[in-house]
Amino acid sequence: MLPTVLWLALFLFAIGFFLYIIRGINKNIFLLKNALIWLLISIVLIIFAIFPHLAEWLAMAVGFETTSNFLLSAAVIVLLIMEIKNSVLISKHENRIKTLLQELSIMKSEETKKDR
């Protein structure tokens, strides 16, 4: 069982993180579709803060000896998946920007030829 101070700190952090994500969505800091995973993570944090035995049970069910190892491994896996997703998205955007620049250059070239 978590000490009361640690439980309270975890709960307040989880609520604060959730509110930060909601505020970021409302102020258009990031789009809702990009923030959904962060909302899900913050909800899971709140659930684990309210029911710490759930995290312990999940850790044992998956085969981890300690809850901290389970949470760290889960965090690493989630962050790796998010990084791969972001890398794919960045690559698509870079290709699209390159295509748009090439099209713009062609249009400007044709426009200067017409002006002559």
PDB file of N, CA and C in Angstrom:
ATOM      1  N   MET A   1       0.840  -1.194   0.000  1.00  0.00           N
ATOM      2  CA  MET A   1       0.000   0.000   0.000  1.00  0.00           C
ATOM      3  C   MET A   1       0.876   1.246   0.000  1.00  0.00           C
ATOM      4  N   LEU A   2       0.459   2.240  -0.759  1.00  0.00           N
ATOM      5  CA  LEU A   2       1.208   3.491  -0.853  1.00  0.00           C
ATOM      6  C   LEU A   2       1.006   4.339   0.403  1.00  0.00           C
ATOM      7  N   PRO A   3       2.078   4.999   0.861  1.00  0.00           N
ATOM      8  CA  PRO A   3       1.894   5.970   1.949  1.00  0.00           C
ATOM      9  C   PRO A   3       0.959   7.087   1.489  1.00  0.00           C
ATOM     10  N   THR A   4       0.248   7.677   2.422  1.00  0.00           N
ATOM     11  CA  THR A   4      -0.760   8.685   2.091  1.00  0.00           C
ATOM     12  C   THR A   4      -0.157   9.866   1.334  1.00  0.00           C
ATOM     13  N   VAL A   5       1.011  10.318   1.746  1.00  0.00           N
ATOM     14  CA  VAL A   5       1.639  11.469   1.081  1.00  0.00           C
ATOM     15  C   VAL A   5       1.986  11.120  -0.362  1.00  0.00           C
ATOM     16  N   LEU A   6       2.533   9.937  -0.583  1.00  0.00           N
ATOM     17  CA  LEU A   6       2.878   9.512  -1.940  1.00  0.00           C
ATOM     18  C   LEU A   6       1.625   9.337  -2.790  1.00  0.00           C
ATOM     19  N   TRP A   7       0.584   8.755  -2.202  1.00  0.00           N
ATOM     20  CA  TRP A   7      -0.671   8.570  -2.926  1.00  0.00           C
ATOM     21  C   TRP A   7      -1.258   9.924  -3.324  1.00  0.00           C
ATOM     22  N   LEU A   8      -1.238  10.873  -2.382  1.00  0.00           N
ATOM     23  CA  LEU A   8      -1.780  12.200  -2.659  1.00  0.00           C
ATOM     24  C   LEU A   8      -0.968  12.904  -3.745  1.00  0.00           C
ATOM     25  N   ALA A   9       0.357  12.779  -3.693  1.00  0.00           N
ATOM     26  CA  ALA A   9       1.212  13.395  -4.714  1.00  0.00           C
ATOM     27  C   ALA A   9       0.926  12.791  -6.085  1.00  0.00           C
ATOM     28  N   LEU A  10       0.796  11.473  -6.158  1.00  0.00           N
ATOM     29  CA  LEU A  10       0.495  10.808  -7.425  1.00  0.00           C
ATOM     30  C   LEU A  10      -0.864  11.244  -7.960  1.00  0.00           C
ATOM     31  N   PHE A  11      -1.853  11.313  -7.088  1.00  0.00           N
ATOM     32  CA  PHE A  11      -3.195  11.712  -7.496  1.00  0.00           C
ATOM     33  C   PHE A  11      -3.199  13.152  -8.003  1.00  0.00           C
ATOM     34  N   LEU A  12      -2.548  14.061  -7.269  1.00  0.00           N
ATOM     35  CA  LEU A  12      -2.507  15.465  -7.693  1.00  0.00           C
ATOM     36  C   LEU A  12      -1.752  15.631  -9.005  1.00  0.00           C
ATOM     37  N   PHE A  13      -0.662  14.878  -9.176  1.00  0.00           N
ATOM     38  CA  PHE A  13       0.070  14.927 -10.442  1.00  0.00           C
ATOM     39  C   PHE A  13      -0.815  14.448 -11.591  1.00  0.00           C
ATOM     40  N   ALA A  14      -1.528  13.354 -11.389  1.00  0.00           N
ATOM     41  CA  ALA A  14      -2.386  12.801 -12.441  1.00  0.00           C
ATOM     42  C   ALA A  14      -3.488  13.789 -12.821  1.00  0.00           C
ATOM     43  N   ILE A  15      -4.116  14.401 -11.837  1.00  0.00           N
ATOM     44  CA  ILE A  15      -5.165  15.392 -12.107  1.00  0.00           C
ATOM     45  C   ILE A  15      -4.566  16.615 -12.808  1.00  0.00           C
ATOM     46  N   GLY A  16      -3.418  17.077 -12.324  1.00  0.00           N
ATOM     47  CA  GLY A  16      -2.755  18.221 -12.950  1.00  0.00           C
ATOM     48  C   GLY A  16      -2.380  17.944 -14.396  1.00  0.00           C
ATOM     49  N   PHE A  17      -1.877  16.745 -14.658  1.00  0.00           N
ATOM     50  CA  PHE A  17      -1.515  16.359 -16.022  1.00  0.00           C
ATOM     51  C   PHE A  17      -2.750  16.341 -16.917  1.00  0.00           C
ATOM     52  N   PHE A  18      -3.843  15.785 -16.422  1.00  0.00           N
ATOM     53  CA  PHE A  18      -5.095  15.740 -17.174  1.00  0.00           C
ATOM     54  C   PHE A  18      -5.569  17.160 -17.496  1.00  0.00           C
ATOM     55  N   LEU A  19      -5.553  18.039 -16.501  1.00  0.00           N
ATOM     56  CA  LEU A  19      -5.997  19.416 -16.719  1.00  0.00           C
ATOM     57  C   LEU A  19      -5.077  20.155 -17.690  1.00  0.00           C
ATOM     58  N   TYR A  20      -3.783  19.874 -17.630  1.00  0.00           N
ATOM     59  CA  TYR A  20      -2.833  20.490 -18.560  1.00  0.00           C
ATOM     60  C   TYR A  20      -3.149  20.078 -20.002  1.00  0.00           C
ATOM     61  N   ILE A  21      -3.456  18.816 -20.217  1.00  0.00           N
ATOM     62  CA  ILE A  21      -3.791  18.336 -21.561  1.00  0.00           C
ATOM     63  C   ILE A  21      -5.088  18.979 -22.045  1.00  0.00           C
ATOM     64  N   ILE A  22      -6.100  19.021 -21.185  1.00  0.00           N
ATOM     65  CA  ILE A  22      -7.378  19.646 -21.553  1.00  0.00           C
ATOM     66  C   ILE A  22      -7.159  21.122 -21.894  1.00  0.00           C
ATOM     67  N   ARG A  23      -6.365  21.818 -21.087  1.00  0.00           N
ATOM     68  CA  ARG A  23      -6.075  23.232 -21.343  1.00  0.00           C
ATOM     69  C   ARG A  23      -5.341  23.407 -22.670  1.00  0.00           C
ATOM     70  N   GLY A  24      -4.408  22.518 -22.962  1.00  0.00           N
ATOM     71  CA  GLY A  24      -3.681  22.583 -24.227  1.00  0.00           C
ATOM     72  C   GLY A  24      -4.591  22.388 -25.421  1.00  0.00           C
ATOM     73  N   ILE A  25      -5.565  21.510 -25.287  1.00  0.00           N
ATOM     74  CA  ILE A  25      -6.531  21.294 -26.368  1.00  0.00           C
ATOM     75  C   ILE A  25      -7.403  22.539 -26.537  1.00  0.00           C
ATOM     76  N   ASN A  26      -7.883  23.090 -25.422  1.00  0.00           N
ATOM     77  CA  ASN A  26      -8.748  24.270 -25.487  1.00  0.00           C
ATOM     78  C   ASN A  26      -8.042  25.486 -26.068  1.00  0.00           C
ATOM     79  N   LYS A  27      -6.747  25.628 -25.806  1.00  0.00           N
ATOM     80  CA  LYS A  27      -5.993  26.776 -26.312  1.00  0.00           C
ATOM     81  C   LYS A  27      -5.347  26.490 -27.660  1.00  0.00           C
ATOM     82  N   ASN A  28      -5.690  25.369 -28.272  1.00  0.00           N
ATOM     83  CA  ASN A  28      -5.154  24.964 -29.577  1.00  0.00           C
ATOM     84  C   ASN A  28      -3.633  24.853 -29.582  1.00  0.00           C
ATOM     85  N   ILE A  29      -3.062  24.452 -28.450  1.00  0.00           N
ATOM     86  CA  ILE A  29      -1.624  24.196 -28.410  1.00  0.00           C
ATOM     87  C   ILE A  29      -1.321  22.931 -29.200  1.00  0.00           C
ATOM     88  N   PHE A  30      -2.190  21.944 -29.071  1.00  0.00           N
ATOM     89  CA  PHE A  30      -2.102  20.765 -29.926  1.00  0.00           C
ATOM     90  C   PHE A  30      -3.500  20.298 -30.262  1.00  0.00           C
ATOM     91  N   LEU A  31      -3.589  19.576 -31.367  1.00  0.00           N
ATOM     92  CA  LEU A  31      -4.879  19.126 -31.868  1.00  0.00           C
ATOM     93  C   LEU A  31      -5.414  17.978 -31.026  1.00  0.00           C
ATOM     94  N   LEU A  32      -6.718  17.848 -31.029  1.00  0.00           N
ATOM     95  CA  LEU A  32      -7.359  16.792 -30.255  1.00  0.00           C
ATOM     96  C   LEU A  32      -6.891  15.417 -30.701  1.00  0.00           C
ATOM     97  N   LYS A  33      -6.758  15.216 -32.025  1.00  0.00           N
ATOM     98  CA  LYS A  33      -6.357  13.893 -32.508  1.00  0.00           C
ATOM     99  C   LYS A  33      -4.959  13.524 -32.029  1.00  0.00           C
ATOM    100  N   ASN A  34      -4.078  14.524 -31.853  1.00  0.00           N
ATOM    101  CA  ASN A  34      -2.738  14.254 -31.347  1.00  0.00           C
ATOM    102  C   ASN A  34      -2.722  14.116 -29.830  1.00  0.00           C
ATOM    103  N   ALA A  35      -3.703  14.701 -29.166  1.00  0.00           N
ATOM    104  CA  ALA A  35      -3.728  14.689 -27.708  1.00  0.00           C
ATOM    105  C   ALA A  35      -4.508  13.516 -27.135  1.00  0.00           C
ATOM    106  N   LEU A  36      -5.170  12.744 -27.971  1.00  0.00           N
ATOM    107  CA  LEU A  36      -5.978  11.636 -27.452  1.00  0.00           C
ATOM    108  C   LEU A  36      -5.146  10.635 -26.664  1.00  0.00           C
ATOM    109  N   ILE A  37      -3.956  10.319 -27.139  1.00  0.00           N
ATOM    110  CA  ILE A  37      -3.116   9.364 -26.417  1.00  0.00           C
ATOM    111  C   ILE A  37      -2.713   9.936 -25.064  1.00  0.00           C
ATOM    112  N   TRP A  38      -2.438  11.260 -25.013  1.00  0.00           N
ATOM    113  CA  TRP A  38      -2.072  11.878 -23.741  1.00  0.00           C
ATOM    114  C   TRP A  38      -3.264  11.916 -22.793  1.00  0.00           C
ATOM    115  N   LEU A  39      -4.459  12.129 -23.332  1.00  0.00           N
ATOM    116  CA  LEU A  39      -5.655  12.061 -22.494  1.00  0.00           C
ATOM    117  C   LEU A  39      -5.833  10.661 -21.924  1.00  0.00           C
ATOM    118  N   LEU A  40      -5.627   9.660 -22.763  1.00  0.00           N
ATOM    119  CA  LEU A  40      -5.735   8.275 -22.304  1.00  0.00           C
ATOM    120  C   LEU A  40      -4.705   7.977 -21.215  1.00  0.00           C
ATOM    121  N   ILE A  41      -3.475   8.430 -21.423  1.00  0.00           N
ATOM    122  CA  ILE A  41      -2.425   8.210 -20.421  1.00  0.00           C
ATOM    123  C   ILE A  41      -2.785   8.901 -19.108  1.00  0.00           C
ATOM    124  N   SER A  42      -3.305  10.117 -19.186  1.00  0.00           N
ATOM    125  CA  SER A  42      -3.662  10.824 -17.955  1.00  0.00           C
ATOM    126  C   SER A  42      -4.821  10.143 -17.235  1.00  0.00           C
ATOM    127  N   ILE A  43      -5.765   9.596 -17.980  1.00  0.00           N
ATOM    128  CA  ILE A  43      -6.874   8.866 -17.354  1.00  0.00           C
ATOM    129  C   ILE A  43      -6.364   7.599 -16.683  1.00  0.00           C
ATOM    130  N   VAL A  44      -5.441   6.903 -17.341  1.00  0.00           N
ATOM    131  CA  VAL A  44      -4.846   5.702 -16.735  1.00  0.00           C
ATOM    132  C   VAL A  44      -4.089   6.079 -15.464  1.00  0.00           C
ATOM    133  N   LEU A  45      -3.374   7.195 -15.484  1.00  0.00           N
ATOM    134  CA  LEU A  45      -2.672   7.653 -14.281  1.00  0.00           C
ATOM    135  C   LEU A  45      -3.648   7.935 -13.142  1.00  0.00           C
ATOM    136  N   ILE A  46      -4.766   8.567 -13.463  1.00  0.00           N
ATOM    137  CA  ILE A  46      -5.775   8.845 -12.437  1.00  0.00           C
ATOM    138  C   ILE A  46      -6.329   7.541 -11.875  1.00  0.00           C
ATOM    139  N   ILE A  47      -6.619   6.584 -12.752  1.00  0.00           N
ATOM    140  CA  ILE A  47      -7.140   5.287 -12.296  1.00  0.00           C
ATOM    141  C   ILE A  47      -6.123   4.581 -11.410  1.00  0.00           C
ATOM    142  N   PHE A  48      -4.845   4.584 -11.825  1.00  0.00           N
ATOM    143  CA  PHE A  48      -3.804   3.948 -11.008  1.00  0.00           C
ATOM    144  C   PHE A  48      -3.611   4.683  -9.685  1.00  0.00           C
ATOM    145  N   ALA A  49      -3.830   6.006  -9.673  1.00  0.00           N
ATOM    146  CA  ALA A  49      -3.711   6.756  -8.423  1.00  0.00           C
ATOM    147  C   ALA A  49      -4.858   6.423  -7.476  1.00  0.00           C
ATOM    148  N   ILE A  50      -6.045   6.255  -8.034  1.00  0.00           N
ATOM    149  CA  ILE A  50      -7.205   5.929  -7.196  1.00  0.00           C
ATOM    150  C   ILE A  50      -7.160   4.476  -6.745  1.00  0.00           C
ATOM    151  N   PHE A  51      -6.771   3.589  -7.653  1.00  0.00           N
ATOM    152  CA  PHE A  51      -6.711   2.151  -7.353  1.00  0.00           C
ATOM    153  C   PHE A  51      -5.287   1.628  -7.563  1.00  0.00           C
ATOM    154  N   PRO A  52      -4.369   1.878  -6.631  1.00  0.00           N
ATOM    155  CA  PRO A  52      -2.978   1.442  -6.827  1.00  0.00           C
ATOM    156  C   PRO A  52      -2.836  -0.080  -6.917  1.00  0.00           C
ATOM    157  N   HIS A  53      -3.770  -0.810  -6.331  1.00  0.00           N
ATOM    158  CA  HIS A  53      -3.695  -2.274  -6.399  1.00  0.00           C
ATOM    159  C   HIS A  53      -3.937  -2.785  -7.817  1.00  0.00           C
ATOM    160  N   LEU A  54      -4.611  -1.988  -8.635  1.00  0.00           N
ATOM    161  CA  LEU A  54      -4.837  -2.376 -10.024  1.00  0.00           C
ATOM    162  C   LEU A  54      -3.514  -2.465 -10.780  1.00  0.00           C
ATOM    163  N   ALA A  55      -2.631  -1.502 -10.566  1.00  0.00           N
ATOM    164  CA  ALA A  55      -1.311  -1.540 -11.210  1.00  0.00           C
ATOM    165  C   ALA A  55      -0.513  -2.741 -10.712  1.00  0.00           C
ATOM    166  N   GLU A  56      -0.600  -3.020  -9.426  1.00  0.00           N
ATOM    167  CA  GLU A  56       0.096  -4.186  -8.869  1.00  0.00           C
ATOM    168  C   GLU A  56      -0.449  -5.477  -9.478  1.00  0.00           C
ATOM    169  N   TRP A  57      -1.760  -5.567  -9.599  1.00  0.00           N
ATOM    170  CA  TRP A  57      -2.378  -6.767 -10.160  1.00  0.00           C
ATOM    171  C   TRP A  57      -1.972  -6.953 -11.623  1.00  0.00           C
ATOM    172  N   LEU A  58      -2.002  -5.860 -12.396  1.00  0.00           N
ATOM    173  CA  LEU A  58      -1.594  -5.943 -13.801  1.00  0.00           C
ATOM    174  C   LEU A  58      -0.140  -6.380 -13.930  1.00  0.00           C
ATOM    175  N   ALA A  59       0.716  -5.844 -13.068  1.00  0.00           N
ATOM    176  CA  ALA A  59       2.132  -6.213 -13.111  1.00  0.00           C
ATOM    177  C   ALA A  59       2.303  -7.706 -12.859  1.00  0.00           C
ATOM    178  N   MET A  60       1.625  -8.219 -11.863  1.00  0.00           N
ATOM    179  CA  MET A  60       1.729  -9.649 -11.549  1.00  0.00           C
ATOM    180  C   MET A  60       1.102 -10.503 -12.651  1.00  0.00           C
ATOM    181  N   ALA A  61       0.001 -10.028 -13.234  1.00  0.00           N
ATOM    182  CA  ALA A  61      -0.672 -10.789 -14.290  1.00  0.00           C
ATOM    183  C   ALA A  61       0.203 -10.906 -15.534  1.00  0.00           C
ATOM    184  N   VAL A  62       0.979  -9.868 -15.818  1.00  0.00           N
ATOM    185  CA  VAL A  62       1.840  -9.875 -17.000  1.00  0.00           C
ATOM    186  C   VAL A  62       3.149 -10.603 -16.718  1.00  0.00           C
ATOM    187  N   GLY A  63       3.495 -10.742 -15.447  1.00  0.00           N
ATOM    188  CA  GLY A  63       4.692 -11.497 -15.094  1.00  0.00           C
ATOM    189  C   GLY A  63       5.828 -10.675 -14.526  1.00  0.00           C
ATOM    190  N   PHE A  64       5.579  -9.442 -14.174  1.00  0.00           N
ATOM    191  CA  PHE A  64       6.607  -8.602 -13.558  1.00  0.00           C
ATOM    192  C   PHE A  64       6.616  -8.840 -12.053  1.00  0.00           C
ATOM    193  N   GLU A  65       7.807  -8.803 -11.468  1.00  0.00           N
ATOM    194  CA  GLU A  65       7.911  -9.004 -10.025  1.00  0.00           C
ATOM    195  C   GLU A  65       7.553  -7.742  -9.250  1.00  0.00           C
ATOM    196  N   THR A  66       7.880  -6.588  -9.823  1.00  0.00           N
ATOM    197  CA  THR A  66       7.563  -5.333  -9.137  1.00  0.00           C
ATOM    198  C   THR A  66       6.723  -4.438 -10.043  1.00  0.00           C
ATOM    199  N   THR A  67       5.892  -3.652  -9.405  1.00  0.00           N
ATOM    200  CA  THR A  67       5.022  -2.744 -10.145  1.00  0.00           C
ATOM    201  C   THR A  67       5.828  -1.671 -10.866  1.00  0.00           C
ATOM    202  N   SER A  68       6.900  -1.213 -10.244  1.00  0.00           N
ATOM    203  CA  SER A  68       7.703  -0.154 -10.867  1.00  0.00           C
ATOM    204  C   SER A  68       8.325  -0.627 -12.178  1.00  0.00           C
ATOM    205  N   ASN A  69       8.773  -1.881 -12.228  1.00  0.00           N
ATOM    206  CA  ASN A  69       9.319  -2.416 -13.484  1.00  0.00           C
ATOM    207  C   ASN A  69       8.243  -2.474 -14.562  1.00  0.00           C
ATOM    208  N   PHE A  70       7.049  -2.865 -14.178  1.00  0.00           N
ATOM    209  CA  PHE A  70       5.928  -2.920 -15.115  1.00  0.00           C
ATOM    210  C   PHE A  70       5.609  -1.530 -15.657  1.00  0.00           C
ATOM    211  N   LEU A  71       5.492  -0.545 -14.759  1.00  0.00           N
ATOM    212  CA  LEU A  71       5.143   0.810 -15.187  1.00  0.00           C
ATOM    213  C   LEU A  71       6.229   1.415 -16.068  1.00  0.00           C
ATOM    214  N   LEU A  72       7.489   1.181 -15.717  1.00  0.00           N
ATOM    215  CA  LEU A  72       8.583   1.693 -16.534  1.00  0.00           C
ATOM    216  C   LEU A  72       8.587   1.042 -17.915  1.00  0.00           C
ATOM    217  N   SER A  73       8.404  -0.264 -17.965  1.00  0.00           N
ATOM    218  CA  SER A  73       8.369  -0.965 -19.255  1.00  0.00           C
ATOM    219  C   SER A  73       7.192  -0.500 -20.104  1.00  0.00           C
ATOM    220  N   ALA A  74       6.032  -0.344 -19.480  1.00  0.00           N
ATOM    221  CA  ALA A  74       4.855   0.129 -20.211  1.00  0.00           C
ATOM    222  C   ALA A  74       5.091   1.536 -20.754  1.00  0.00           C
ATOM    223  N   ALA A  75       5.705   2.401 -19.945  1.00  0.00           N
ATOM    224  CA  ALA A  75       5.982   3.770 -20.389  1.00  0.00           C
ATOM    225  C   ALA A  75       6.953   3.775 -21.565  1.00  0.00           C
ATOM    226  N   VAL A  76       7.988   2.957 -21.500  1.00  0.00           N
ATOM    227  CA  VAL A  76       8.964   2.892 -22.596  1.00  0.00           C
ATOM    228  C   VAL A  76       8.294   2.406 -23.877  1.00  0.00           C
ATOM    229  N   ILE A  77       7.467   1.383 -23.777  1.00  0.00           N
ATOM    230  CA  ILE A  77       6.782   0.845 -24.959  1.00  0.00           C
ATOM    231  C   ILE A  77       5.852   1.897 -25.569  1.00  0.00           C
ATOM    232  N   VAL A  78       5.073   2.566 -24.727  1.00  0.00           N
ATOM    233  CA  VAL A  78       4.147   3.590 -25.227  1.00  0.00           C
ATOM    234  C   VAL A  78       4.913   4.726 -25.897  1.00  0.00           C
ATOM    235  N   LEU A  79       5.996   5.171 -25.269  1.00  0.00           N
ATOM    236  CA  LEU A  79       6.774   6.271 -25.850  1.00  0.00           C
ATOM    237  C   LEU A  79       7.457   5.865 -27.148  1.00  0.00           C
ATOM    238  N   LEU A  80       7.921   4.624 -27.241  1.00  0.00           N
ATOM    239  CA  LEU A  80       8.511   4.151 -28.500  1.00  0.00           C
ATOM    240  C   LEU A  80       7.474   4.126 -29.618  1.00  0.00           C
ATOM    241  N   ILE A  81       6.292   3.648 -29.316  1.00  0.00           N
ATOM    242  CA  ILE A  81       5.218   3.619 -30.316  1.00  0.00           C
ATOM    243  C   ILE A  81       4.879   5.043 -30.762  1.00  0.00           C
ATOM    244  N   MET A  82       4.788   5.961 -29.795  1.00  0.00           N
ATOM    245  CA  MET A  82       4.482   7.348 -30.138  1.00  0.00           C
ATOM    246  C   MET A  82       5.593   7.964 -30.987  1.00  0.00           C
ATOM    247  N   GLU A  83       6.834   7.645 -30.681  1.00  0.00           N
ATOM    248  CA  GLU A  83       7.959   8.187 -31.447  1.00  0.00           C
ATOM    249  C   GLU A  83       7.954   7.658 -32.880  1.00  0.00           C
ATOM    250  N   ILE A  84       7.669   6.380 -33.056  1.00  0.00           N
ATOM    251  CA  ILE A  84       7.590   5.815 -34.407  1.00  0.00           C
ATOM    252  C   ILE A  84       6.469   6.489 -35.190  1.00  0.00           C
ATOM    253  N   LYS A  85       5.320   6.653 -34.538  1.00  0.00           N
ATOM    254  CA  LYS A  85       4.185   7.314 -35.187  1.00  0.00           C
ATOM    255  C   LYS A  85       4.553   8.741 -35.590  1.00  0.00           C
ATOM    256  N   ASN A  86       5.210   9.469 -34.697  1.00  0.00           N
ATOM    257  CA  ASN A  86       5.615  10.844 -35.005  1.00  0.00           C
ATOM    258  C   ASN A  86       6.657  10.895 -36.113  1.00  0.00           C
ATOM    259  N   SER A  87       7.569   9.938 -36.143  1.00  0.00           N
ATOM    260  CA  SER A  87       8.582   9.899 -37.206  1.00  0.00           C
ATOM    261  C   SER A  87       7.943   9.670 -38.567  1.00  0.00           C
ATOM    262  N   VAL A  88       6.964   8.782 -38.622  1.00  0.00           N
ATOM    263  CA  VAL A  88       6.245   8.538 -39.876  1.00  0.00           C
ATOM    264  C   VAL A  88       5.519   9.807 -40.314  1.00  0.00           C
ATOM    265  N   LEU A  89       4.871  10.464 -39.373  1.00  0.00           N
ATOM    266  CA  LEU A  89       4.135  11.688 -39.681  1.00  0.00           C
ATOM    267  C   LEU A  89       5.075  12.794 -40.163  1.00  0.00           C
ATOM    268  N   ILE A  90       6.215  12.939 -39.516  1.00  0.00           N
ATOM    269  CA  ILE A  90       7.193  13.950 -39.934  1.00  0.00           C
ATOM    270  C   ILE A  90       7.709  13.644 -41.332  1.00  0.00           C
ATOM    271  N   SER A  91       7.975  12.388 -41.623  1.00  0.00           N
ATOM    272  CA  SER A  91       8.452  12.015 -42.960  1.00  0.00           C
ATOM    273  C   SER A  91       7.417  12.357 -44.024  1.00  0.00           C
ATOM    274  N   LYS A  92       6.157  12.068 -43.749  1.00  0.00           N
ATOM    275  CA  LYS A  92       5.095  12.405 -44.700  1.00  0.00           C
ATOM    276  C   LYS A  92       5.027  13.913 -44.918  1.00  0.00           C
ATOM    277  N   HIS A  93       5.130  14.671 -43.831  1.00  0.00           N
ATOM    278  CA  HIS A  93       5.064  16.128 -43.949  1.00  0.00           C
ATOM    279  C   HIS A  93       6.266  16.678 -44.714  1.00  0.00           C
ATOM    280  N   GLU A  94       7.447  16.129 -44.456  1.00  0.00           N
ATOM    281  CA  GLU A  94       8.633  16.590 -45.188  1.00  0.00           C
ATOM    282  C   GLU A  94       8.505  16.301 -46.680  1.00  0.00           C
ATOM    283  N   ASN A  95       7.993  15.134 -47.037  1.00  0.00           N
ATOM    284  CA  ASN A  95       7.780  14.816 -48.453  1.00  0.00           C
ATOM    285  C   ASN A  95       6.748  15.749 -49.072  1.00  0.00           C
ATOM    286  N   ARG A  96       5.695  16.052 -48.333  1.00  0.00           N
ATOM    287  CA  ARG A  96       4.652  16.946 -48.843  1.00  0.00           C
ATOM    288  C   ARG A  96       5.207  18.359 -49.034  1.00  0.00           C
ATOM    289  N   ILE A  97       6.010  18.821 -48.091  1.00  0.00           N
ATOM    290  CA  ILE A  97       6.628  20.147 -48.213  1.00  0.00           C
ATOM    291  C   ILE A  97       7.550  20.196 -49.422  1.00  0.00           C
ATOM    292  N   LYS A  98       8.329  19.136 -49.616  1.00  0.00           N
ATOM    293  CA  LYS A  98       9.232  19.085 -50.769  1.00  0.00           C
ATOM    294  C   LYS A  98       8.436  19.142 -52.070  1.00  0.00           C
ATOM    295  N   THR A  99       7.348  18.395 -52.147  1.00  0.00           N
ATOM    296  CA  THR A  99       6.505  18.400 -53.344  1.00  0.00           C
ATOM    297  C   THR A  99       5.904  19.786 -53.576  1.00  0.00           C
ATOM    298  N   LEU A 100       5.412  20.408 -52.519  1.00  0.00           N
ATOM    299  CA  LEU A 100       4.827  21.742 -52.659  1.00  0.00           C
ATOM    300  C   LEU A 100       5.864  22.766 -53.107  1.00  0.00           C
ATOM    301  N   LEU A 101       7.070  22.677 -52.573  1.00  0.00           N
ATOM    302  CA  LEU A 101       8.133  23.594 -53.004  1.00  0.00           C
ATOM    303  C   LEU A 101       8.491  23.394 -54.470  1.00  0.00           C
ATOM    304  N   GLN A 102       8.534  22.154 -54.899  1.00  0.00           N
ATOM    305  CA  GLN A 102       8.830  21.879 -56.306  1.00  0.00           C
ATOM    306  C   GLN A 102       7.725  22.423 -57.205  1.00  0.00           C
ATOM    307  N   GLU A 103       6.473  22.218 -56.814  1.00  0.00           N
ATOM    308  CA  GLU A 103       5.357  22.740 -57.599  1.00  0.00           C
ATOM    309  C   GLU A 103       5.385  24.261 -57.643  1.00  0.00           C
ATOM    310  N   LEU A 104       5.689  24.883 -56.514  1.00  0.00           N
ATOM    311  CA  LEU A 104       5.769  26.339 -56.464  1.00  0.00           C
ATOM    312  C   LEU A 104       6.902  26.862 -57.344  1.00  0.00           C
ATOM    313  N   SER A 105       8.024  26.185 -57.329  1.00  0.00           N
ATOM    314  CA  SER A 105       9.153  26.588 -58.180  1.00  0.00           C
ATOM    315  C   SER A 105       8.794  26.480 -59.651  1.00  0.00           C
ATOM    316  N   ILE A 106       8.104  25.423 -60.028  1.00  0.00           N
ATOM    317  CA  ILE A 106       7.674  25.251 -61.422  1.00  0.00           C
ATOM    318  C   ILE A 106       6.708  26.363 -61.808  1.00  0.00           C
ATOM    319  N   MET A 107       5.755  26.676 -60.921  1.00  0.00           N
ATOM    320  CA  MET A 107       4.790  27.736 -61.212  1.00  0.00           C
ATOM    321  C   MET A 107       5.481  29.089 -61.368  1.00  0.00           C
ATOM    322  N   LYS A 108       6.438  29.387 -60.505  1.00  0.00           N
ATOM    323  CA  LYS A 108       7.170  30.658 -60.614  1.00  0.00           C
ATOM    324  C   LYS A 108       8.000  30.698 -61.887  1.00  0.00           C
ATOM    325  N   SER A 109       8.593  29.579 -62.240  1.00  0.00           N
ATOM    326  CA  SER A 109       9.391  29.511 -63.467  1.00  0.00           C
ATOM    327  C   SER A 109       8.509  29.757 -64.681  1.00  0.00           C
ATOM    328  N   GLU A 110       7.332  29.146 -64.721  1.00  0.00           N
ATOM    329  CA  GLU A 110       6.408  29.343 -65.837  1.00  0.00           C
ATOM    330  C   GLU A 110       5.910  30.782 -65.880  1.00  0.00           C
ATOM    331  N   GLU A 111       5.707  31.377 -64.723  1.00  0.00           N
ATOM    332  CA  GLU A 111       5.224  32.752 -64.663  1.00  0.00           C
ATOM    333  C   GLU A 111       6.278  33.728 -65.189  1.00  0.00           C
ATOM    334  N   THR A 112       7.528  33.496 -64.853  1.00  0.00           N
ATOM    335  CA  THR A 112       8.586  34.383 -65.357  1.00  0.00           C
ATOM    336  C   THR A 112       8.778  34.212 -66.858  1.00  0.00           C
ATOM    337  N   LYS A 113       8.558  33.008 -67.377  1.00  0.00           N
ATOM    338  CA  LYS A 113       8.658  32.782 -68.825  1.00  0.00           C
ATOM    339  C   LYS A 113       7.547  33.523 -69.557  1.00  0.00           C
ATOM    340  N   LYS A 114       6.353  33.586 -68.964  1.00  0.00           N
ATOM    341  CA  LYS A 114       5.232  34.287 -69.592  1.00  0.00           C
ATOM    342  C   LYS A 114       5.468  35.795 -69.599  1.00  0.00           C
ATOM    343  N   ASP A 115       6.106  36.300 -68.559  1.00  0.00           N
ATOM    344  CA  ASP A 115       6.354  37.743 -68.457  1.00  0.00           C
ATOM    345  C   ASP A 115       7.377  38.219 -69.480  1.00  0.00           C
ATOM    346  N   ARG A 116       8.212  37.387 -69.983  1.00  0.00           N
ATOM    347  CA  ARG A 116       9.258  37.782 -70.941  1.00  0.00           C
ATOM    348  C   ARG A 116       8.702  37.909 -72.285  1.00  0.00           C
TER     349      ARG A 116
END
